Amino acid sequence: MEAIQLIRDFLQERTQTDPALVTPDARLETLGIDSFTLLELIFEFEEKYGVSIPNDTQTPETVQDLLNLIARFRQQAEAKPS
């Protein structure tokens, strides 16, 4: 599952957000993502992709920012030797 689809599914399930509104340029605040919802979404990503996102990571403002964040930590996790 692609990361954007995970965001769409998560928001549709939790906030009834229309998945069509979840585009890369959409602002998280506009989609109804408050700090608590963002934290839940990050936990969802961590579980799904086996990554750990540090607490001091800059808060994403758009869906694209969140996608970039996830991609960065997925790449770091994949680059670590097993």
PDB file of N, CA and C in Angstrom:
ATOM      1  N   MET A   1       0.845  -1.178   0.000  1.00  0.00           N
ATOM      2  CA  MET A   1       0.000   0.000   0.000  1.00  0.00           C
ATOM      3  C   MET A   1       0.892   1.244   0.000  1.00  0.00           C
ATOM      4  N   GLU A   2       0.581   2.145  -0.879  1.00  0.00           N
ATOM      5  CA  GLU A   2       1.326   3.396  -0.945  1.00  0.00           C
ATOM      6  C   GLU A   2       0.981   4.264   0.251  1.00  0.00           C
ATOM      7  N   ALA A   3       1.920   5.119   0.620  1.00  0.00           N
ATOM      8  CA  ALA A   3       1.742   5.966   1.796  1.00  0.00           C
ATOM      9  C   ALA A   3       0.538   6.890   1.672  1.00  0.00           C
ATOM     10  N   ILE A   4       0.314   7.461   0.492  1.00  0.00           N
ATOM     11  CA  ILE A   4      -0.826   8.375   0.358  1.00  0.00           C
ATOM     12  C   ILE A   4      -2.149   7.623   0.540  1.00  0.00           C
ATOM     13  N   GLN A   5      -2.197   6.373   0.106  1.00  0.00           N
ATOM     14  CA  GLN A   5      -3.418   5.590   0.293  1.00  0.00           C
ATOM     15  C   GLN A   5      -3.640   5.301   1.774  1.00  0.00           C
ATOM     16  N   LEU A   6      -2.557   5.075   2.508  1.00  0.00           N
ATOM     17  CA  LEU A   6      -2.674   4.861   3.943  1.00  0.00           C
ATOM     18  C   LEU A   6      -3.260   6.110   4.612  1.00  0.00           C
ATOM     19  N   ILE A   7      -2.806   7.285   4.181  1.00  0.00           N
ATOM     20  CA  ILE A   7      -3.339   8.538   4.726  1.00  0.00           C
ATOM     21  C   ILE A   7      -4.818   8.663   4.386  1.00  0.00           C
ATOM     22  N   ARG A   8      -5.167   8.396   3.134  1.00  0.00           N
ATOM     23  CA  ARG A   8      -6.574   8.490   2.704  1.00  0.00           C
ATOM     24  C   ARG A   8      -7.462   7.548   3.512  1.00  0.00           C
ATOM     25  N   ASP A   9      -7.041   6.301   3.635  1.00  0.00           N
ATOM     26  CA  ASP A   9      -7.832   5.320   4.379  1.00  0.00           C
ATOM     27  C   ASP A   9      -7.967   5.716   5.847  1.00  0.00           C
ATOM     28  N   PHE A  10      -6.867   6.145   6.440  1.00  0.00           N
ATOM     29  CA  PHE A  10      -6.860   6.549   7.843  1.00  0.00           C
ATOM     30  C   PHE A  10      -7.843   7.691   8.074  1.00  0.00           C
ATOM     31  N   LEU A  11      -7.767   8.721   7.235  1.00  0.00           N
ATOM     32  CA  LEU A  11      -8.634   9.888   7.419  1.00  0.00           C
ATOM     33  C   LEU A  11     -10.094   9.572   7.123  1.00  0.00           C
ATOM     34  N   GLN A  12     -10.327   8.745   6.130  1.00  0.00           N
ATOM     35  CA  GLN A  12     -11.715   8.373   5.827  1.00  0.00           C
ATOM     36  C   GLN A  12     -12.324   7.607   7.002  1.00  0.00           C
ATOM     37  N   GLU A  13     -11.549   6.707   7.578  1.00  0.00           N
ATOM     38  CA  GLU A  13     -12.035   5.908   8.695  1.00  0.00           C
ATOM     39  C   GLU A  13     -12.238   6.746   9.959  1.00  0.00           C
ATOM     40  N   ARG A  14     -11.294   7.617  10.259  1.00  0.00           N
ATOM     41  CA  ARG A  14     -11.344   8.334  11.530  1.00  0.00           C
ATOM     42  C   ARG A  14     -12.103   9.654  11.479  1.00  0.00           C
ATOM     43  N   THR A  15     -12.057  10.338  10.330  1.00  0.00           N
ATOM     44  CA  THR A  15     -12.676  11.663  10.275  1.00  0.00           C
ATOM     45  C   THR A  15     -13.684  11.806   9.136  1.00  0.00           C
ATOM     46  N   GLN A  16     -13.939  10.733   8.427  1.00  0.00           N
ATOM     47  CA  GLN A  16     -14.852  10.732   7.290  1.00  0.00           C
ATOM     48  C   GLN A  16     -14.444  11.737   6.202  1.00  0.00           C
ATOM     49  N   THR A  17     -13.144  11.996   6.104  1.00  0.00           N
ATOM     50  CA  THR A  17     -12.619  12.887   5.070  1.00  0.00           C
ATOM     51  C   THR A  17     -12.716  12.194   3.719  1.00  0.00           C
ATOM     52  N   ASP A  18     -13.223  12.900   2.727  1.00  0.00           N
ATOM     53  CA  ASP A  18     -13.311  12.384   1.369  1.00  0.00           C
ATOM     54  C   ASP A  18     -11.892  12.109   0.862  1.00  0.00           C
ATOM     55  N   PRO A  19     -11.592  10.873   0.472  1.00  0.00           N
ATOM     56  CA  PRO A  19     -10.241  10.542   0.002  1.00  0.00           C
ATOM     57  C   PRO A  19      -9.771  11.418  -1.164  1.00  0.00           C
ATOM     58  N   ALA A  20     -10.689  11.918  -1.971  1.00  0.00           N
ATOM     59  CA  ALA A  20     -10.318  12.767  -3.104  1.00  0.00           C
ATOM     60  C   ALA A  20      -9.694  14.087  -2.649  1.00  0.00           C
ATOM     61  N   LEU A  21      -9.954  14.485  -1.410  1.00  0.00           N
ATOM     62  CA  LEU A  21      -9.395  15.727  -0.877  1.00  0.00           C
ATOM     63  C   LEU A  21      -7.948  15.558  -0.416  1.00  0.00           C
ATOM     64  N   VAL A  22      -7.532  14.312  -0.241  1.00  0.00           N
ATOM     65  CA  VAL A  22      -6.182  14.030   0.262  1.00  0.00           C
ATOM     66  C   VAL A  22      -5.223  13.992  -0.922  1.00  0.00           C
ATOM     67  N   THR A  23      -4.738  15.174  -1.263  1.00  0.00           N
ATOM     68  CA  THR A  23      -3.804  15.347  -2.364  1.00  0.00           C
ATOM     69  C   THR A  23      -2.477  15.834  -1.792  1.00  0.00           C
ATOM     70  N   PRO A  24      -1.392  15.688  -2.531  1.00  0.00           N
ATOM     71  CA  PRO A  24      -0.094  16.104  -1.990  1.00  0.00           C
ATOM     72  C   PRO A  24      -0.038  17.550  -1.502  1.00  0.00           C
ATOM     73  N   ASP A  25      -0.755  18.459  -2.163  1.00  0.00           N
ATOM     74  CA  ASP A  25      -0.693  19.860  -1.765  1.00  0.00           C
ATOM     75  C   ASP A  25      -1.686  20.242  -0.670  1.00  0.00           C
ATOM     76  N   ALA A  26      -2.514  19.298  -0.239  1.00  0.00           N
ATOM     77  CA  ALA A  26      -3.506  19.589   0.807  1.00  0.00           C
ATOM     78  C   ALA A  26      -2.811  19.843   2.141  1.00  0.00           C
ATOM     79  N   ARG A  27      -3.248  20.898   2.808  1.00  0.00           N
ATOM     80  CA  ARG A  27      -2.710  21.211   4.138  1.00  0.00           C
ATOM     81  C   ARG A  27      -3.366  20.273   5.154  1.00  0.00           C
ATOM     82  N   LEU A  28      -2.558  19.733   6.053  1.00  0.00           N
ATOM     83  CA  LEU A  28      -3.067  18.791   7.047  1.00  0.00           C
ATOM     84  C   LEU A  28      -4.152  19.441   7.901  1.00  0.00           C
ATOM     85  N   GLU A  29      -3.943  20.685   8.275  1.00  0.00           N
ATOM     86  CA  GLU A  29      -4.926  21.397   9.092  1.00  0.00           C
ATOM     87  C   GLU A  29      -6.277  21.489   8.368  1.00  0.00           C
ATOM     88  N   THR A  30      -6.241  21.742   7.066  1.00  0.00           N
ATOM     89  CA  THR A  30      -7.470  21.835   6.270  1.00  0.00           C
ATOM     90  C   THR A  30      -8.203  20.495   6.238  1.00  0.00           C
ATOM     91  N   LEU A  31      -7.448  19.409   6.289  1.00  0.00           N
ATOM     92  CA  LEU A  31      -8.043  18.076   6.280  1.00  0.00           C
ATOM     93  C   LEU A  31      -8.555  17.657   7.662  1.00  0.00           C
ATOM     94  N   GLY A  32      -8.391  18.533   8.647  1.00  0.00           N
ATOM     95  CA  GLY A  32      -8.869  18.229   9.992  1.00  0.00           C
ATOM     96  C   GLY A  32      -7.882  17.452  10.836  1.00  0.00           C
ATOM     97  N   ILE A  33      -6.616  17.455  10.433  1.00  0.00           N
ATOM     98  CA  ILE A  33      -5.598  16.728  11.189  1.00  0.00           C
ATOM     99  C   ILE A  33      -5.028  17.657  12.251  1.00  0.00           C
ATOM    100  N   ASP A  34      -5.409  17.400  13.491  1.00  0.00           N
ATOM    101  CA  ASP A  34      -4.837  18.146  14.611  1.00  0.00           C
ATOM    102  C   ASP A  34      -3.617  17.379  15.122  1.00  0.00           C
ATOM    103  N   SER A  35      -2.991  17.879  16.161  1.00  0.00           N
ATOM    104  CA  SER A  35      -1.767  17.248  16.651  1.00  0.00           C
ATOM    105  C   SER A  35      -2.003  15.810  17.113  1.00  0.00           C
ATOM    106  N   PHE A  36      -3.138  15.543  17.721  1.00  0.00           N
ATOM    107  CA  PHE A  36      -3.435  14.189  18.189  1.00  0.00           C
ATOM    108  C   PHE A  36      -3.638  13.237  17.003  1.00  0.00           C
ATOM    109  N   THR A  37      -4.396  13.688  16.006  1.00  0.00           N
ATOM    110  CA  THR A  37      -4.638  12.855  14.831  1.00  0.00           C
ATOM    111  C   THR A  37      -3.340  12.608  14.075  1.00  0.00           C
ATOM    112  N   LEU A  38      -2.488  13.623  13.991  1.00  0.00           N
ATOM    113  CA  LEU A  38      -1.194  13.457  13.330  1.00  0.00           C
ATOM    114  C   LEU A  38      -0.349  12.418  14.063  1.00  0.00           C
ATOM    115  N   LEU A  39      -0.375  12.471  15.362  1.00  0.00           N
ATOM    116  CA  LEU A  39       0.368  11.494  16.152  1.00  0.00           C
ATOM    117  C   LEU A  39      -0.144  10.078  15.886  1.00  0.00           C
ATOM    118  N   GLU A  40      -1.453   9.907  15.843  1.00  0.00           N
ATOM    119  CA  GLU A  40      -2.030   8.594  15.524  1.00  0.00           C
ATOM    120  C   GLU A  40      -1.611   8.133  14.133  1.00  0.00           C
ATOM    121  N   LEU A  41      -1.614   9.062  13.195  1.00  0.00           N
ATOM    122  CA  LEU A  41      -1.233   8.722  11.830  1.00  0.00           C
ATOM    123  C   LEU A  41       0.242   8.324  11.756  1.00  0.00           C
ATOM    124  N   ILE A  42       1.079   9.030  12.480  1.00  0.00           N
ATOM    125  CA  ILE A  42       2.501   8.678  12.514  1.00  0.00           C
ATOM    126  C   ILE A  42       2.702   7.301  13.137  1.00  0.00           C
ATOM    127  N   PHE A  43       1.967   7.003  14.196  1.00  0.00           N
ATOM    128  CA  PHE A  43       2.053   5.665  14.796  1.00  0.00           C
ATOM    129  C   PHE A  43       1.648   4.605  13.780  1.00  0.00           C
ATOM    130  N   GLU A  44       0.630   4.905  12.985  1.00  0.00           N
ATOM    131  CA  GLU A  44       0.167   3.986  11.945  1.00  0.00           C
ATOM    132  C   GLU A  44       1.295   3.728  10.934  1.00  0.00           C
ATOM    133  N   PHE A  45       1.977   4.791  10.505  1.00  0.00           N
ATOM    134  CA  PHE A  45       3.102   4.649   9.584  1.00  0.00           C
ATOM    135  C   PHE A  45       4.228   3.845  10.212  1.00  0.00           C
ATOM    136  N   GLU A  46       4.549   4.144  11.456  1.00  0.00           N
ATOM    137  CA  GLU A  46       5.637   3.425  12.122  1.00  0.00           C
ATOM    138  C   GLU A  46       5.349   1.928  12.172  1.00  0.00           C
ATOM    139  N   GLU A  47       4.117   1.590  12.500  1.00  0.00           N
ATOM    140  CA  GLU A  47       3.740   0.175  12.573  1.00  0.00           C
ATOM    141  C   GLU A  47       3.748  -0.474  11.192  1.00  0.00           C
ATOM    142  N   LYS A  48       3.168   0.191  10.218  1.00  0.00           N
ATOM    143  CA  LYS A  48       3.039  -0.360   8.869  1.00  0.00           C
ATOM    144  C   LYS A  48       4.396  -0.555   8.198  1.00  0.00           C
ATOM    145  N   TYR A  49       5.278   0.435   8.353  1.00  0.00           N
ATOM    146  CA  TYR A  49       6.541   0.418   7.628  1.00  0.00           C
ATOM    147  C   TYR A  49       7.745   0.053   8.482  1.00  0.00           C
ATOM    148  N   GLY A  50       7.545  -0.215   9.763  1.00  0.00           N
ATOM    149  CA  GLY A  50       8.647  -0.628  10.620  1.00  0.00           C
ATOM    150  C   GLY A  50       9.706   0.436  10.800  1.00  0.00           C
ATOM    151  N   VAL A  51       9.250   1.684  10.885  1.00  0.00           N
ATOM    152  CA  VAL A  51      10.184   2.795  11.072  1.00  0.00           C
ATOM    153  C   VAL A  51       9.918   3.448  12.420  1.00  0.00           C
ATOM    154  N   SER A  52      10.868   4.250  12.838  1.00  0.00           N
ATOM    155  CA  SER A  52      10.712   5.021  14.065  1.00  0.00           C
ATOM    156  C   SER A  52      10.977   6.478  13.728  1.00  0.00           C
ATOM    157  N   ILE A  53       9.991   7.312  13.965  1.00  0.00           N
ATOM    158  CA  ILE A  53      10.111   8.735  13.665  1.00  0.00           C
ATOM    159  C   ILE A  53      10.356   9.465  14.977  1.00  0.00           C
ATOM    160  N   PRO A  54      11.502  10.134  15.090  1.00  0.00           N
ATOM    161  CA  PRO A  54      11.837  10.822  16.337  1.00  0.00           C
ATOM    162  C   PRO A  54      10.823  11.900  16.711  1.00  0.00           C
ATOM    163  N   ASN A  55      10.650  12.101  18.000  1.00  0.00           N
ATOM    164  CA  ASN A  55       9.702  13.097  18.500  1.00  0.00           C
ATOM    165  C   ASN A  55      10.072  14.515  18.107  1.00  0.00           C
ATOM    166  N   ASP A  56      11.350  14.773  17.871  1.00  0.00           N
ATOM    167  CA  ASP A  56      11.780  16.131  17.549  1.00  0.00           C
ATOM    168  C   ASP A  56      11.748  16.435  16.053  1.00  0.00           C
ATOM    169  N   THR A  57      11.117  15.578  15.276  1.00  0.00           N
ATOM    170  CA  THR A  57      10.987  15.795  13.844  1.00  0.00           C
ATOM    171  C   THR A  57      10.050  16.974  13.599  1.00  0.00           C
ATOM    172  N   GLN A  58      10.413  17.808  12.626  1.00  0.00           N
ATOM    173  CA  GLN A  58       9.587  18.966  12.299  1.00  0.00           C
ATOM    174  C   GLN A  58       8.194  18.510  11.877  1.00  0.00           C
ATOM    175  N   THR A  59       7.189  19.194  12.367  1.00  0.00           N
ATOM    176  CA  THR A  59       5.800  18.854  12.079  1.00  0.00           C
ATOM    177  C   THR A  59       5.479  19.157  10.619  1.00  0.00           C
ATOM    178  N   PRO A  60       4.980  18.162   9.888  1.00  0.00           N
ATOM    179  CA  PRO A  60       4.619  18.405   8.490  1.00  0.00           C
ATOM    180  C   PRO A  60       3.388  19.307   8.404  1.00  0.00           C
ATOM    181  N   GLU A  61       3.333  20.110   7.331  1.00  0.00           N
ATOM    182  CA  GLU A  61       2.197  21.012   7.144  1.00  0.00           C
ATOM    183  C   GLU A  61       1.262  20.555   6.029  1.00  0.00           C
ATOM    184  N   THR A  62       1.801  19.806   5.069  1.00  0.00           N
ATOM    185  CA  THR A  62       0.995  19.335   3.942  1.00  0.00           C
ATOM    186  C   THR A  62       1.101  17.813   3.844  1.00  0.00           C
ATOM    187  N   VAL A  63       0.235  17.240   3.032  1.00  0.00           N
ATOM    188  CA  VAL A  63       0.305  15.800   2.785  1.00  0.00           C
ATOM    189  C   VAL A  63       1.659  15.463   2.175  1.00  0.00           C
ATOM    190  N   GLN A  64       2.149  16.308   1.260  1.00  0.00           N
ATOM    191  CA  GLN A  64       3.462  16.048   0.649  1.00  0.00           C
ATOM    192  C   GLN A  64       4.573  16.074   1.684  1.00  0.00           C
ATOM    193  N   ASP A  65       4.511  17.019   2.622  1.00  0.00           N
ATOM    194  CA  ASP A  65       5.510  17.058   3.701  1.00  0.00           C
ATOM    195  C   ASP A  65       5.502  15.739   4.471  1.00  0.00           C
ATOM    196  N   LEU A  66       4.307  15.231   4.748  1.00  0.00           N
ATOM    197  CA  LEU A  66       4.177  13.975   5.485  1.00  0.00           C
ATOM    198  C   LEU A  66       4.712  12.814   4.650  1.00  0.00           C
ATOM    199  N   LEU A  67       4.400  12.808   3.366  1.00  0.00           N
ATOM    200  CA  LEU A  67       4.914  11.755   2.478  1.00  0.00           C
ATOM    201  C   LEU A  67       6.441  11.794   2.405  1.00  0.00           C
ATOM    202  N   ASN A  68       7.009  12.987   2.333  1.00  0.00           N
ATOM    203  CA  ASN A  68       8.471  13.119   2.304  1.00  0.00           C
ATOM    204  C   ASN A  68       9.097  12.609   3.600  1.00  0.00           C
ATOM    205  N   LEU A  69       8.457  12.935   4.703  1.00  0.00           N
ATOM    206  CA  LEU A  69       8.933  12.488   6.013  1.00  0.00           C
ATOM    207  C   LEU A  69       8.954  10.963   6.081  1.00  0.00           C
ATOM    208  N   ILE A  70       7.869  10.356   5.675  1.00  0.00           N
ATOM    209  CA  ILE A  70       7.763   8.896   5.710  1.00  0.00           C
ATOM    210  C   ILE A  70       8.795   8.271   4.770  1.00  0.00           C
ATOM    211  N   ALA A  71       8.921   8.822   3.579  1.00  0.00           N
ATOM    212  CA  ALA A  71       9.889   8.282   2.617  1.00  0.00           C
ATOM    213  C   ALA A  71      11.302   8.349   3.179  1.00  0.00           C
ATOM    214  N   ARG A  72      11.639   9.462   3.814  1.00  0.00           N
ATOM    215  CA  ARG A  72      12.983   9.628   4.376  1.00  0.00           C
ATOM    216  C   ARG A  72      13.278   8.566   5.436  1.00  0.00           C
ATOM    217  N   PHE A  73      12.336   8.341   6.326  1.00  0.00           N
ATOM    218  CA  PHE A  73      12.583   7.372   7.395  1.00  0.00           C
ATOM    219  C   PHE A  73      12.498   5.934   6.895  1.00  0.00           C
ATOM    220  N   ARG A  74      11.703   5.682   5.863  1.00  0.00           N
ATOM    221  CA  ARG A  74      11.680   4.344   5.254  1.00  0.00           C
ATOM    222  C   ARG A  74      13.021   4.052   4.597  1.00  0.00           C
ATOM    223  N   GLN A  75      13.575   5.042   3.896  1.00  0.00           N
ATOM    224  CA  GLN A  75      14.877   4.849   3.246  1.00  0.00           C
ATOM    225  C   GLN A  75      15.965   4.606   4.276  1.00  0.00           C
ATOM    226  N   GLN A  76      15.929   5.353   5.362  1.00  0.00           N
ATOM    227  CA  GLN A  76      16.919   5.169   6.423  1.00  0.00           C
ATOM    228  C   GLN A  76      16.815   3.777   7.028  1.00  0.00           C
ATOM    229  N   ALA A  77      15.590   3.317   7.237  1.00  0.00           N
ATOM    230  CA  ALA A  77      15.384   1.988   7.829  1.00  0.00           C
ATOM    231  C   ALA A  77      15.873   0.902   6.873  1.00  0.00           C
ATOM    232  N   GLU A  78      15.622   1.090   5.590  1.00  0.00           N
ATOM    233  CA  GLU A  78      16.039   0.087   4.594  1.00  0.00           C
ATOM    234  C   GLU A  78      17.549   0.073   4.418  1.00  0.00           C
ATOM    235  N   ALA A  79      18.194   1.197   4.661  1.00  0.00           N
ATOM    236  CA  ALA A  79      19.650   1.302   4.473  1.00  0.00           C
ATOM    237  C   ALA A  79      20.430   0.695   5.634  1.00  0.00           C
ATOM    238  N   LYS A  80      19.767   0.522   6.783  1.00  0.00           N
ATOM    239  CA  LYS A  80      20.451  -0.041   7.947  1.00  0.00           C
ATOM    240  C   LYS A  80      20.730  -1.515   7.717  1.00  0.00           C
ATOM    241  N   PRO A  81      21.947  -1.947   8.048  1.00  0.00           N
ATOM    242  CA  PRO A  81      22.252  -3.378   7.905  1.00  0.00           C
ATOM    243  C   PRO A  81      21.437  -4.200   8.895  1.00  0.00           C
ATOM    244  N   SER A  82      21.037  -5.370   8.464  1.00  0.00           N
ATOM    245  CA  SER A  82      20.223  -6.248   9.327  1.00  0.00           C
ATOM    246  C   SER A  82      21.061  -6.960  10.338  1.00  0.00           C
TER     247      SER A  82
END
